[in-house]
Amino acid sequence: MIRVHKGEAPEVLHRLGPRWVQRHSVEFDARQADYEIGATTMAIREHVYGHPTVREALAAAQHGKCCYCEVAIEHPYMLRHVEHWRPKGAVKQGPGEPVQYPGYYWLAYEWDNLLLSCGVCNSGYKSIVFPLADDNGRARNHHEDVGVEEPQLLKPDRDDPEPHIEWIDDQPRGRSEIGWKTIETVGLVREDDVKRSREYNELRKAHHRLLKCSGNEHIALVREIANECRQRLEQSVLPTSQYSAMAKAFIATHTTEI
């Protein structure tokens, strides 16, 4: 996970979002008891929050990567999920915890609450989980203030993950309580993540080849190989590269050897 820098909200969110939030709010007030037990659910409009301009703006801001695990979301072959950091329809404090209704429906079209994620992070792990330090302080509807909440999930477009998550080889480890909770919530510990393991092994290979060449750069061929390896390592930490947080940790760990 790396910090995401988003630009201005797409026009469709400004144009249609407030209208639907107003409608949802009126619906909730009219049947509050039904919404709170899940007998009635809010019909959140995907054509607004999931509009192509929203997906493209998020993809550009995130360099086409998942906001959590940094895998390249290979569109159109992989689904690009518009992720609601605060879940829109229902919410849980953690896996196995009771489902609470409704979700944060009034934030369903807020640019600040939208990210792009892969199917594994969004559907496979996080889903409707949104942990707080105190679940009793959760905002339950549009009349309450989310500002009093203390989320235990890093927000990629606000928080710098580096002080909270470190890397040991190709596996993340928490440096703080919120770091551990984020790793758990989005399932970042994945020993069977073939793509991430492959990228880590490629980094090791490039680093090893560079070390072997570093003392023999007077030979043209060796110099060429060394430059290729160096470029490979330098490219791996760019925000546009998959798993750049892992790569940055790898480089930092081995930089004195080069």
C-alpha atoms as a PDB file:
ATOM      1  CA  MET A   1       0.000   0.000   0.000  1.00  0.00           C
ATOM      2  CA  ILE A   2       1.222   3.490  -0.875  1.00  0.00           C
ATOM      3  CA  ARG A   3      -0.211   6.981  -0.478  1.00  0.00           C
ATOM      4  CA  VAL A   4      -2.741   7.885  -3.186  1.00  0.00           C
ATOM      5  CA  HIS A   5      -3.051  11.456  -4.453  1.00  0.00           C
ATOM      6  CA  LYS A   6      -6.471  12.107  -5.976  1.00  0.00           C
ATOM      7  CA  GLY A   7      -7.406  15.125  -8.051  1.00  0.00           C
ATOM      8  CA  GLU A   8     -10.723  16.909  -8.274  1.00  0.00           C
ATOM      9  CA  ALA A   9     -13.951  14.938  -8.075  1.00  0.00           C
ATOM     10  CA  PRO A  10     -15.476  14.008 -11.448  1.00  0.00           C
ATOM     11  CA  GLU A  11     -18.365  16.229 -12.490  1.00  0.00           C
ATOM     12  CA  VAL A  12     -20.950  13.442 -12.282  1.00  0.00           C
ATOM     13  CA  LEU A  13     -20.495  13.220  -8.509  1.00  0.00           C
ATOM     14  CA  HIS A  14     -21.171  16.945  -8.100  1.00  0.00           C
ATOM     15  CA  ARG A  15     -24.128  16.842 -10.469  1.00  0.00           C
ATOM     16  CA  LEU A  16     -25.947  13.695  -9.364  1.00  0.00           C
ATOM     17  CA  GLY A  17     -24.501  12.787  -5.976  1.00  0.00           C
ATOM     18  CA  PRO A  18     -26.251  15.424  -3.797  1.00  0.00           C
ATOM     19  CA  ARG A  19     -29.598  14.664  -5.429  1.00  0.00           C
ATOM     20  CA  TRP A  20     -29.388  10.971  -4.561  1.00  0.00           C
ATOM     21  CA  VAL A  21     -28.063  11.624  -1.054  1.00  0.00           C
ATOM     22  CA  GLN A  22     -31.073  13.847  -0.435  1.00  0.00           C
ATOM     23  CA  ARG A  23     -33.405  11.135  -1.689  1.00  0.00           C
ATOM     24  CA  HIS A  24     -31.743   8.443   0.432  1.00  0.00           C
ATOM     25  CA  SER A  25     -31.929  10.694   3.488  1.00  0.00           C
ATOM     26  CA  VAL A  26     -35.646  11.283   3.005  1.00  0.00           C
ATOM     27  CA  GLU A  27     -36.215   7.558   2.527  1.00  0.00           C
ATOM     28  CA  PHE A  28     -34.292   6.766   5.701  1.00  0.00           C
ATOM     29  CA  ASP A  29     -36.219   9.283   7.796  1.00  0.00           C
ATOM     30  CA  ALA A  30     -39.523   7.902   6.513  1.00  0.00           C
ATOM     31  CA  ARG A  31     -38.691   4.272   7.408  1.00  0.00           C
ATOM     32  CA  GLN A  32     -35.843   4.472   9.890  1.00  0.00           C
ATOM     33  CA  ALA A  33     -36.811   1.387  11.902  1.00  0.00           C
ATOM     34  CA  ASP A  34     -36.928  -0.799   8.776  1.00  0.00           C
ATOM     35  CA  TYR A  35     -33.553   0.437   7.568  1.00  0.00           C
ATOM     36  CA  GLU A  36     -31.923  -0.140  10.950  1.00  0.00           C
ATOM     37  CA  ILE A  37     -32.878  -3.828  11.028  1.00  0.00           C
ATOM     38  CA  GLY A  38     -32.127  -4.413   7.342  1.00  0.00           C
ATOM     39  CA  ALA A  39     -35.769  -5.068   6.431  1.00  0.00           C
ATOM     40  CA  THR A  40     -35.341  -2.350   3.839  1.00  0.00           C
ATOM     41  CA  THR A  41     -32.053  -1.610   2.121  1.00  0.00           C
ATOM     42  CA  MET A  42     -30.901   1.543   0.407  1.00  0.00           C
ATOM     43  CA  ALA A  43     -30.812   1.394  -3.387  1.00  0.00           C
ATOM     44  CA  ILE A  44     -27.424   3.029  -3.915  1.00  0.00           C
ATOM     45  CA  ARG A  45     -26.939   4.094  -7.549  1.00  0.00           C
ATOM     46  CA  GLU A  46     -23.871   2.454  -9.074  1.00  0.00           C
ATOM     47  CA  HIS A  47     -24.317   4.440 -12.277  1.00  0.00           C
ATOM     48  CA  VAL A  48     -23.326   7.497 -10.218  1.00  0.00           C
ATOM     49  CA  TYR A  49     -20.484   6.347  -7.943  1.00  0.00           C
ATOM     50  CA  GLY A  50     -19.319   3.795 -10.523  1.00  0.00           C
ATOM     51  CA  HIS A  51     -19.602   6.085 -13.536  1.00  0.00           C
ATOM     52  CA  PRO A  52     -16.828   5.534 -16.141  1.00  0.00           C
ATOM     53  CA  THR A  53     -15.398   8.992 -15.419  1.00  0.00           C
ATOM     54  CA  VAL A  54     -15.109   8.082 -11.734  1.00  0.00           C
ATOM     55  CA  ARG A  55     -13.371   4.793 -12.495  1.00  0.00           C
ATOM     56  CA  GLU A  56     -10.973   6.458 -14.922  1.00  0.00           C
ATOM     57  CA  ALA A  57     -10.132   9.260 -12.476  1.00  0.00           C
ATOM     58  CA  LEU A  58      -9.407   6.739  -9.728  1.00  0.00           C
ATOM     59  CA  ALA A  59      -7.386   4.533 -12.073  1.00  0.00           C
ATOM     60  CA  ALA A  60      -5.273   7.543 -13.086  1.00  0.00           C
ATOM     61  CA  ALA A  61      -4.712   8.611  -9.474  1.00  0.00           C
ATOM     62  CA  GLN A  62      -3.739   5.082  -8.448  1.00  0.00           C
ATOM     63  CA  HIS A  63      -1.646   4.331 -11.553  1.00  0.00           C
ATOM     64  CA  GLY A  64      -4.055   1.522 -12.417  1.00  0.00           C
ATOM     65  CA  LYS A  65      -3.295  -0.306  -9.175  1.00  0.00           C
ATOM     66  CA  CYS A  66      -5.427  -1.539  -6.296  1.00  0.00           C
ATOM     67  CA  CYS A  67      -5.427   1.012  -3.484  1.00  0.00           C
ATOM     68  CA  TYR A  68      -4.632  -1.705  -0.935  1.00  0.00           C
ATOM     69  CA  CYS A  69      -2.464  -4.498  -2.356  1.00  0.00           C
ATOM     70  CA  GLU A  70      -0.967  -2.559  -5.331  1.00  0.00           C
ATOM     71  CA  VAL A  71      -1.692  -5.238  -7.896  1.00  0.00           C
ATOM     72  CA  ALA A  72      -2.140  -3.840 -11.404  1.00  0.00           C
ATOM     73  CA  ILE A  73      -5.845  -4.102 -12.198  1.00  0.00           C
ATOM     74  CA  GLU A  74      -5.605  -5.314 -15.774  1.00  0.00           C
ATOM     75  CA  HIS A  75      -8.658  -3.709 -17.328  1.00  0.00           C
ATOM     76  CA  PRO A  76     -10.779  -5.080 -18.963  1.00  0.00           C
ATOM     77  CA  TYR A  77      -9.632  -8.540 -17.856  1.00  0.00           C
ATOM     78  CA  MET A  78      -9.944  -7.774 -14.134  1.00  0.00           C
ATOM     79  CA  LEU A  79     -12.854  -6.012 -12.462  1.00  0.00           C
ATOM     80  CA  ARG A  80     -12.090  -2.516 -11.192  1.00  0.00           C
ATOM     81  CA  HIS A  81     -14.159  -2.251  -8.029  1.00  0.00           C
ATOM     82  CA  VAL A  82     -15.114   1.236  -6.873  1.00  0.00           C
ATOM     83  CA  GLU A  83     -14.389   0.749  -3.207  1.00  0.00           C
ATOM     84  CA  HIS A  84     -16.262   2.645  -0.500  1.00  0.00           C
ATOM     85  CA  TRP A  85     -13.786   3.157   2.331  1.00  0.00           C
ATOM     86  CA  ARG A  86     -16.759   3.552   4.649  1.00  0.00           C
ATOM     87  CA  PRO A  87     -19.123   0.819   3.362  1.00  0.00           C
ATOM     88  CA  LYS A  88     -22.277   2.103   1.725  1.00  0.00           C
ATOM     89  CA  GLY A  89     -24.962  -0.553   2.348  1.00  0.00           C
ATOM     90  CA  ALA A  90     -24.106  -2.236   5.641  1.00  0.00           C
ATOM     91  CA  VAL A  91     -21.118  -2.403   7.956  1.00  0.00           C
ATOM     92  CA  LYS A  92     -19.305  -4.771  10.333  1.00  0.00           C
ATOM     93  CA  GLN A  93     -16.737  -4.067  13.014  1.00  0.00           C
ATOM     94  CA  GLY A  94     -14.707  -7.078  11.916  1.00  0.00           C
ATOM     95  CA  PRO A  95     -14.893 -10.545  10.296  1.00  0.00           C
ATOM     96  CA  GLY A  96     -17.474 -12.673  12.077  1.00  0.00           C
ATOM     97  CA  GLU A  97     -19.023  -9.651  13.783  1.00  0.00           C
ATOM     98  CA  PRO A  98     -22.750  -8.836  13.431  1.00  0.00           C
ATOM     99  CA  VAL A  99     -23.870  -6.915  10.353  1.00  0.00           C
ATOM    100  CA  GLN A 100     -25.133  -3.424  11.165  1.00  0.00           C
ATOM    101  CA  TYR A 101     -27.648  -1.557   9.018  1.00  0.00           C
ATOM    102  CA  PRO A 102     -27.640   0.731   7.226  1.00  0.00           C
ATOM    103  CA  GLY A 103     -24.148   1.524   5.983  1.00  0.00           C
ATOM    104  CA  TYR A 104     -22.814   4.988   5.272  1.00  0.00           C
ATOM    105  CA  TYR A 105     -25.367   5.624   2.518  1.00  0.00           C
ATOM    106  CA  TRP A 106     -24.961   9.409   2.748  1.00  0.00           C
ATOM    107  CA  LEU A 107     -21.287   9.030   1.755  1.00  0.00           C
ATOM    108  CA  ALA A 108     -21.957   6.727  -1.193  1.00  0.00           C
ATOM    109  CA  TYR A 109     -21.181   9.432  -3.778  1.00  0.00           C
ATOM    110  CA  GLU A 110     -18.511  11.352  -1.859  1.00  0.00           C
ATOM    111  CA  TRP A 111     -15.231  11.545  -3.765  1.00  0.00           C
ATOM    112  CA  ASP A 112     -13.386  11.443  -0.441  1.00  0.00           C
ATOM    113  CA  ASN A 113     -14.913   8.025   0.292  1.00  0.00           C
ATOM    114  CA  LEU A 114     -14.155   6.400  -3.072  1.00  0.00           C
ATOM    115  CA  LEU A 115     -11.127   4.348  -4.111  1.00  0.00           C
ATOM    116  CA  LEU A 116     -10.359   1.677  -6.705  1.00  0.00           C
ATOM    117  CA  SER A 117      -9.587  -1.844  -5.537  1.00  0.00           C
ATOM    118  CA  CYS A 118      -9.146  -5.328  -6.914  1.00  0.00           C
ATOM    119  CA  GLY A 119     -11.771  -8.004  -6.376  1.00  0.00           C
ATOM    120  CA  VAL A 120      -9.651  -9.912  -3.880  1.00  0.00           C
ATOM    121  CA  CYS A 121      -9.214  -6.967  -1.508  1.00  0.00           C
ATOM    122  CA  ASN A 122     -12.746  -5.647  -1.915  1.00  0.00           C
ATOM    123  CA  SER A 123     -14.922  -8.747  -2.169  1.00  0.00           C
ATOM    124  CA  GLY A 124     -12.590 -11.393  -0.783  1.00  0.00           C
ATOM    125  CA  TYR A 125     -11.476  -9.583   2.350  1.00  0.00           C
ATOM    126  CA  LYS A 126     -12.652  -6.083   3.251  1.00  0.00           C
ATOM    127  CA  SER A 127     -16.216  -6.227   1.941  1.00  0.00           C
ATOM    128  CA  ILE A 128     -18.341  -4.338   4.508  1.00  0.00           C
ATOM    129  CA  VAL A 129     -15.771  -4.395   7.322  1.00  0.00           C
ATOM    130  CA  PHE A 130     -14.888  -0.996   8.748  1.00  0.00           C
ATOM    131  CA  PRO A 131     -13.271  -1.273  12.205  1.00  0.00           C
ATOM    132  CA  LEU A 132     -13.388   1.554  14.724  1.00  0.00           C
ATOM    133  CA  ALA A 133     -11.546   1.996  18.010  1.00  0.00           C
ATOM    134  CA  ASP A 134     -14.996   2.226  19.633  1.00  0.00           C
ATOM    135  CA  ASP A 135     -17.899   0.724  17.740  1.00  0.00           C
ATOM    136  CA  ASN A 136     -20.321   2.508  20.078  1.00  0.00           C
ATOM    137  CA  GLY A 137     -19.192   5.798  18.562  1.00  0.00           C
ATOM    138  CA  ARG A 138     -20.132   4.799  15.006  1.00  0.00           C
ATOM    139  CA  ALA A 139     -22.266   7.227  13.005  1.00  0.00           C
ATOM    140  CA  ARG A 140     -25.482   5.353  12.206  1.00  0.00           C
ATOM    141  CA  ASN A 141     -27.164   7.739   9.786  1.00  0.00           C
ATOM    142  CA  HIS A 142     -26.883  11.100   8.035  1.00  0.00           C
ATOM    143  CA  HIS A 143     -27.857  12.977  11.213  1.00  0.00           C
ATOM    144  CA  GLU A 144     -24.689  11.837  13.001  1.00  0.00           C
ATOM    145  CA  ASP A 145     -21.090  13.006  12.599  1.00  0.00           C
ATOM    146  CA  VAL A 146     -18.445  10.621  11.243  1.00  0.00           C
ATOM    147  CA  GLY A 147     -15.851  13.079  12.518  1.00  0.00           C
ATOM    148  CA  VAL A 148     -16.125  11.598  16.012  1.00  0.00           C
ATOM    149  CA  GLU A 149     -15.171   8.129  14.776  1.00  0.00           C
ATOM    150  CA  GLU A 150     -11.686   6.678  15.167  1.00  0.00           C
ATOM    151  CA  PRO A 151     -11.208   4.370  12.147  1.00  0.00           C
ATOM    152  CA  GLN A 152      -8.726   1.531  12.529  1.00  0.00           C
ATOM    153  CA  LEU A 153      -8.207   1.238   8.784  1.00  0.00           C
ATOM    154  CA  LEU A 154      -5.600   3.259   6.901  1.00  0.00           C
ATOM    155  CA  LYS A 155      -7.047   5.572   4.279  1.00  0.00           C
ATOM    156  CA  PRO A 156      -4.787   5.375   1.190  1.00  0.00           C
ATOM    157  CA  ASP A 157      -5.700   8.852  -0.072  1.00  0.00           C
ATOM    158  CA  ARG A 158      -5.021  10.458   3.319  1.00  0.00           C
ATOM    159  CA  ASP A 159      -2.553   8.371   5.313  1.00  0.00           C
ATOM    160  CA  ASP A 160       1.077   7.527   4.644  1.00  0.00           C
ATOM    161  CA  PRO A 161       1.175   3.740   5.161  1.00  0.00           C
ATOM    162  CA  GLU A 162       4.959   3.564   5.683  1.00  0.00           C
ATOM    163  CA  PRO A 163       4.962   4.454   9.418  1.00  0.00           C
ATOM    164  CA  HIS A 164       2.329   1.773   9.989  1.00  0.00           C
ATOM    165  CA  ILE A 165       3.317  -1.115   7.702  1.00  0.00           C
ATOM    166  CA  GLU A 166       6.751  -2.594   7.030  1.00  0.00           C
ATOM    167  CA  TRP A 167       7.830  -5.448   4.802  1.00  0.00           C
ATOM    168  CA  ILE A 168       9.719  -8.629   5.670  1.00  0.00           C
ATOM    169  CA  ASP A 169      10.613 -10.075   2.289  1.00  0.00           C
ATOM    170  CA  ASP A 170       7.289 -10.275   0.401  1.00  0.00           C
ATOM    171  CA  GLN A 171       5.030 -10.190   3.464  1.00  0.00           C
ATOM    172  CA  PRO A 172       3.769  -7.075   5.294  1.00  0.00           C
ATOM    173  CA  ARG A 173       3.985  -6.602   9.042  1.00  0.00           C
ATOM    174  CA  GLY A 174       2.355  -3.957  11.208  1.00  0.00           C
ATOM    175  CA  ARG A 175       4.407  -1.229  12.826  1.00  0.00           C
ATOM    176  CA  SER A 176       1.340   0.061  14.664  1.00  0.00           C
ATOM    177  CA  GLU A 177      -2.054  -1.168  15.800  1.00  0.00           C
ATOM    178  CA  ILE A 178      -3.785   0.487  12.849  1.00  0.00           C
ATOM    179  CA  GLY A 179      -1.181  -1.053  10.543  1.00  0.00           C
ATOM    180  CA  TRP A 180      -1.964  -4.545  11.839  1.00  0.00           C
ATOM    181  CA  LYS A 181      -5.696  -3.899  11.646  1.00  0.00           C
ATOM    182  CA  THR A 182      -5.385  -2.725   8.029  1.00  0.00           C
ATOM    183  CA  ILE A 183      -3.347  -5.794   7.079  1.00  0.00           C
ATOM    184  CA  GLU A 184      -5.990  -8.011   8.652  1.00  0.00           C
ATOM    185  CA  THR A 185      -8.979  -6.165   7.192  1.00  0.00           C
ATOM    186  CA  VAL A 186      -7.852  -6.233   3.565  1.00  0.00           C
ATOM    187  CA  GLY A 187      -5.950  -9.523   3.833  1.00  0.00           C
ATOM    188  CA  LEU A 188      -2.505  -8.247   2.862  1.00  0.00           C
ATOM    189  CA  VAL A 189      -0.740 -11.332   4.273  1.00  0.00           C
ATOM    190  CA  ARG A 190      -1.034 -13.677   1.307  1.00  0.00           C
ATOM    191  CA  GLU A 191       1.496 -16.457   1.155  1.00  0.00           C
ATOM    192  CA  ASP A 192      -0.124 -17.735  -2.036  1.00  0.00           C
ATOM    193  CA  ASP A 193       0.065 -14.388  -3.871  1.00  0.00           C
ATOM    194  CA  VAL A 194       1.851 -15.609  -6.991  1.00  0.00           C
ATOM    195  CA  LYS A 195       2.209 -12.180  -8.613  1.00  0.00           C
ATOM    196  CA  ARG A 196       3.684 -10.526  -5.549  1.00  0.00           C
ATOM    197  CA  SER A 197       6.066 -13.423  -4.896  1.00  0.00           C
ATOM    198  CA  ARG A 198       7.165 -13.347  -8.537  1.00  0.00           C
ATOM    199  CA  GLU A 199       7.896  -9.611  -8.310  1.00  0.00           C
ATOM    200  CA  TYR A 200       9.900 -10.103  -5.111  1.00  0.00           C
ATOM    201  CA  ASN A 201      11.939 -12.888  -6.692  1.00  0.00           C
ATOM    202  CA  GLU A 202      12.637 -10.659  -9.695  1.00  0.00           C
ATOM    203  CA  LEU A 203      13.917  -7.960  -7.351  1.00  0.00           C
ATOM    204  CA  ARG A 204      16.192 -10.462  -5.606  1.00  0.00           C
ATOM    205  CA  LYS A 205      17.478 -11.703  -8.936  1.00  0.00           C
ATOM    206  CA  ALA A 206      18.238  -8.187 -10.203  1.00  0.00           C
ATOM    207  CA  HIS A 207      19.924  -7.302  -6.920  1.00  0.00           C
ATOM    208  CA  HIS A 208      22.031 -10.466  -6.966  1.00  0.00           C
ATOM    209  CA  ARG A 209      23.146  -9.900 -10.557  1.00  0.00           C
ATOM    210  CA  LEU A 210      24.013  -6.291  -9.758  1.00  0.00           C
ATOM    211  CA  LEU A 211      26.183  -7.374  -6.833  1.00  0.00           C
ATOM    212  CA  LYS A 212      28.033  -9.851  -9.022  1.00  0.00           C
ATOM    213  CA  CYS A 213      28.683  -7.194 -11.637  1.00  0.00           C
ATOM    214  CA  SER A 214      29.553  -4.270  -9.363  1.00  0.00           C
ATOM    215  CA  GLY A 215      33.243  -5.133  -9.072  1.00  0.00           C
ATOM    216  CA  ASN A 216      33.768  -5.706 -12.798  1.00  0.00           C
ATOM    217  CA  GLU A 217      32.256  -2.682 -14.508  1.00  0.00           C
ATOM    218  CA  HIS A 218      35.334  -2.156 -16.674  1.00  0.00           C
ATOM    219  CA  ILE A 219      34.001  -4.939 -18.876  1.00  0.00           C
ATOM    220  CA  ALA A 220      31.459  -3.545 -21.340  1.00  0.00           C
ATOM    221  CA  LEU A 221      29.071  -6.498 -21.176  1.00  0.00           C
ATOM    222  CA  VAL A 222      29.127  -6.603 -17.399  1.00  0.00           C
ATOM    223  CA  ARG A 223      28.529  -2.851 -17.280  1.00  0.00           C
ATOM    224  CA  GLU A 224      25.509  -3.264 -19.539  1.00  0.00           C
ATOM    225  CA  ILE A 225      24.054  -6.031 -17.340  1.00  0.00           C
ATOM    226  CA  ALA A 226      24.677  -3.972 -14.220  1.00  0.00           C
ATOM    227  CA  ASN A 227      22.879  -0.991 -15.716  1.00  0.00           C
ATOM    228  CA  GLU A 228      19.897  -3.132 -16.664  1.00  0.00           C
ATOM    229  CA  CYS A 229      19.665  -4.506 -13.132  1.00  0.00           C
ATOM    230  CA  ARG A 230      20.023  -1.042 -11.622  1.00  0.00           C
ATOM    231  CA  GLN A 231      17.266   0.308 -13.853  1.00  0.00           C
ATOM    232  CA  ARG A 232      15.042  -2.622 -12.923  1.00  0.00           C
ATOM    233  CA  LEU A 233      15.480  -1.883  -9.231  1.00  0.00           C
ATOM    234  CA  GLU A 234      14.984   1.851  -9.674  1.00  0.00           C
ATOM    235  CA  GLN A 235      11.803   1.316 -11.688  1.00  0.00           C
ATOM    236  CA  SER A 236      10.358  -1.026  -9.064  1.00  0.00           C
ATOM    237  CA  VAL A 237       9.950   1.747  -6.476  1.00  0.00           C
ATOM    238  CA  LEU A 238       8.083   4.145  -8.768  1.00  0.00           C
ATOM    239  CA  PRO A 239       4.435   4.800  -7.804  1.00  0.00           C
ATOM    240  CA  THR A 240       3.395   3.384 -11.185  1.00  0.00           C
ATOM    241  CA  SER A 241       4.932  -0.029 -10.438  1.00  0.00           C
ATOM    242  CA  GLN A 242       3.148  -2.943  -8.810  1.00  0.00           C
ATOM    243  CA  TYR A 243       4.053  -3.601  -5.169  1.00  0.00           C
ATOM    244  CA  SER A 244       6.207  -0.469  -4.969  1.00  0.00           C
ATOM    245  CA  ALA A 245       5.941  -0.376  -1.157  1.00  0.00           C
ATOM    246  CA  MET A 246       7.442  -3.865  -0.961  1.00  0.00           C
ATOM    247  CA  ALA A 247      10.130  -2.900  -3.490  1.00  0.00           C
ATOM    248  CA  LYS A 248      11.014   0.245  -1.555  1.00  0.00           C
ATOM    249  CA  ALA A 249      11.467  -1.813   1.614  1.00  0.00           C
ATOM    250  CA  PHE A 250      13.631  -4.327  -0.256  1.00  0.00           C
ATOM    251  CA  ILE A 251      15.877  -1.597  -1.679  1.00  0.00           C
ATOM    252  CA  ALA A 252      16.200   0.085   1.703  1.00  0.00           C
ATOM    253  CA  THR A 253      17.233  -3.210   3.306  1.00  0.00           C
ATOM    254  CA  HIS A 254      19.860  -4.018   0.693  1.00  0.00           C
ATOM    255  CA  THR A 255      21.103  -0.572  -0.334  1.00  0.00           C
ATOM    256  CA  THR A 256      24.395  -0.845   1.580  1.00  0.00           C
ATOM    257  CA  GLU A 257      25.315  -3.941  -0.390  1.00  0.00           C
ATOM    258  CA  ILE A 258      25.230  -2.195  -3.760  1.00  0.00           C
END
